[in-house]
Each structure stands twice: as C-alpha cells, then as structure tokens.
Amino acid sequence: MQTRSKSGVVKPYIHPTLLAADLALKKTIKQALCYPHWFSAMKEEFLALQCNKTRTLVPVPHIELP
C-alpha cells in the first residue's frame, strides 16, 4: 500500500500554541489588516465569496433609536 508518508507527502505541523498566540494578537479588523498575510487571506476569502455568488453586499439598514 502506498501512503502519503511513504511518498514523502506530509502536512506541515503547526504547534497549537503558536497558532493561538498569532490569533490572540489580532483582536480587531484594523489590527489584522496591518499584517500582509491576514490581509491577503481576507481578500482571498472575499473574492471566493463573490466568485461563488454565495454572498452579496447590501446597504446597512437604518435603525431608529428611541
């Protein structure tokens, strides 16, 4: 049987604490946009939503406050 491991195909291991530490640094969109890899990921996700026509932008509804 040929496995991915025998073929030399392996997934990179990312230690969970490193991932959690990276996520903890970005608490707002403004903070995340300062990092090129976060900006790139957000842009890619938005373009995918548009290309797949799974999401459309609509105007923010006007809410009257009492």
C-alpha atoms as a PDB file:
ATOM      1  CA  MET A   1       0.000   0.000   0.000  1.00  0.00           C
ATOM      2  CA  GLN A   2       1.317   3.438  -0.934  1.00  0.00           C
ATOM      3  CA  THR A   3       0.693   6.080   1.701  1.00  0.00           C
ATOM      4  CA  ARG A   4       1.318   9.819   1.688  1.00  0.00           C
ATOM      5  CA  SER A   5       4.063   9.300   4.230  1.00  0.00           C
ATOM      6  CA  LYS A   6       5.845   6.724   2.024  1.00  0.00           C
ATOM      7  CA  SER A   7       5.516   9.091  -0.928  1.00  0.00           C
ATOM      8  CA  GLY A   8       7.088  11.916   1.058  1.00  0.00           C
ATOM      9  CA  VAL A   9       3.881  13.947   1.171  1.00  0.00           C
ATOM     10  CA  VAL A  10       3.382  15.347   4.660  1.00  0.00           C
ATOM     11  CA  LYS A  11       1.311  18.166   6.100  1.00  0.00           C
ATOM     12  CA  PRO A  12       3.345  20.833   7.880  1.00  0.00           C
ATOM     13  CA  TYR A  13       2.895  20.686  11.640  1.00  0.00           C
ATOM     14  CA  ILE A  14       1.864  23.947  13.283  1.00  0.00           C
ATOM     15  CA  HIS A  15       2.061  23.830  17.041  1.00  0.00           C
ATOM     16  CA  PRO A  16      -1.332  24.817  18.573  1.00  0.00           C
ATOM     17  CA  THR A  17       0.227  27.347  20.943  1.00  0.00           C
ATOM     18  CA  LEU A  18       1.832  29.194  18.028  1.00  0.00           C
ATOM     19  CA  LEU A  19      -1.480  29.364  16.220  1.00  0.00           C
ATOM     20  CA  ALA A  20      -3.301  30.563  19.360  1.00  0.00           C
ATOM     21  CA  ALA A  21      -0.614  33.186  20.003  1.00  0.00           C
ATOM     22  CA  ASP A  22      -0.969  34.517  16.446  1.00  0.00           C
ATOM     23  CA  LEU A  23      -4.755  34.718  16.766  1.00  0.00           C
ATOM     24  CA  ALA A  24      -4.552  36.427  20.141  1.00  0.00           C
ATOM     25  CA  LEU A  25      -2.604  39.342  18.647  1.00  0.00           C
ATOM     26  CA  LYS A  26      -5.415  40.345  16.308  1.00  0.00           C
ATOM     27  CA  LYS A  27      -8.484  41.477  18.218  1.00  0.00           C
ATOM     28  CA  THR A  28      -9.875  43.827  15.591  1.00  0.00           C
ATOM     29  CA  ILE A  29     -10.052  44.025  11.812  1.00  0.00           C
ATOM     30  CA  LYS A  30      -7.850  47.112  11.941  1.00  0.00           C
ATOM     31  CA  GLN A  31      -5.113  45.159  13.740  1.00  0.00           C
ATOM     32  CA  ALA A  32      -5.381  42.189  11.383  1.00  0.00           C
ATOM     33  CA  LEU A  33      -5.117  44.409   8.292  1.00  0.00           C
ATOM     34  CA  CYS A  34      -1.650  45.524   9.443  1.00  0.00           C
ATOM     35  CA  TYR A  35      -0.347  42.020   8.683  1.00  0.00           C
ATOM     36  CA  PRO A  36       0.069  41.208   4.984  1.00  0.00           C
ATOM     37  CA  HIS A  37      -0.772  37.509   5.400  1.00  0.00           C
ATOM     38  CA  TRP A  38      -4.035  38.330   7.198  1.00  0.00           C
ATOM     39  CA  PHE A  39      -4.970  40.949   4.608  1.00  0.00           C
ATOM     40  CA  SER A  40      -4.213  38.508   1.798  1.00  0.00           C
ATOM     41  CA  ALA A  41      -6.308  35.763   3.437  1.00  0.00           C
ATOM     42  CA  MET A  42      -9.269  38.110   3.958  1.00  0.00           C
ATOM     43  CA  LYS A  43      -9.064  39.376   0.367  1.00  0.00           C
ATOM     44  CA  GLU A  44      -8.891  35.810  -0.988  1.00  0.00           C
ATOM     45  CA  GLU A  45     -11.905  34.744   1.084  1.00  0.00           C
ATOM     46  CA  PHE A  46     -13.933  37.774  -0.031  1.00  0.00           C
ATOM     47  CA  LEU A  47     -13.109  37.153  -3.697  1.00  0.00           C
ATOM     48  CA  ALA A  48     -14.117  33.494  -3.330  1.00  0.00           C
ATOM     49  CA  LEU A  49     -17.480  34.536  -1.867  1.00  0.00           C
ATOM     50  CA  GLN A  50     -18.048  36.901  -4.790  1.00  0.00           C
ATOM     51  CA  CYS A  51     -16.970  34.379  -7.451  1.00  0.00           C
ATOM     52  CA  ASN A  52     -19.185  31.652  -5.978  1.00  0.00           C
ATOM     53  CA  LYS A  53     -22.081  34.119  -5.638  1.00  0.00           C
ATOM     54  CA  THR A  54     -22.649  32.903  -2.082  1.00  0.00           C
ATOM     55  CA  ARG A  55     -22.790  36.375  -0.607  1.00  0.00           C
ATOM     56  CA  THR A  56     -23.921  39.802  -1.746  1.00  0.00           C
ATOM     57  CA  LEU A  57     -23.355  43.168  -0.144  1.00  0.00           C
ATOM     58  CA  VAL A  58     -26.431  45.081   0.909  1.00  0.00           C
ATOM     59  CA  PRO A  59     -26.826  48.540   2.442  1.00  0.00           C
ATOM     60  CA  VAL A  60     -26.868  48.769   6.207  1.00  0.00           C
ATOM     61  CA  PRO A  61     -30.494  49.122   7.369  1.00  0.00           C
ATOM     62  CA  HIS A  62     -31.465  52.358   9.058  1.00  0.00           C
ATOM     63  CA  ILE A  63     -32.417  51.740  12.683  1.00  0.00           C
ATOM     64  CA  GLU A  64     -34.236  54.457  14.574  1.00  0.00           C
ATOM     65  CA  LEU A  65     -33.266  54.698  18.193  1.00  0.00           C
ATOM     66  CA  PRO A  66     -35.816  55.653  20.822  1.00  0.00           C
END
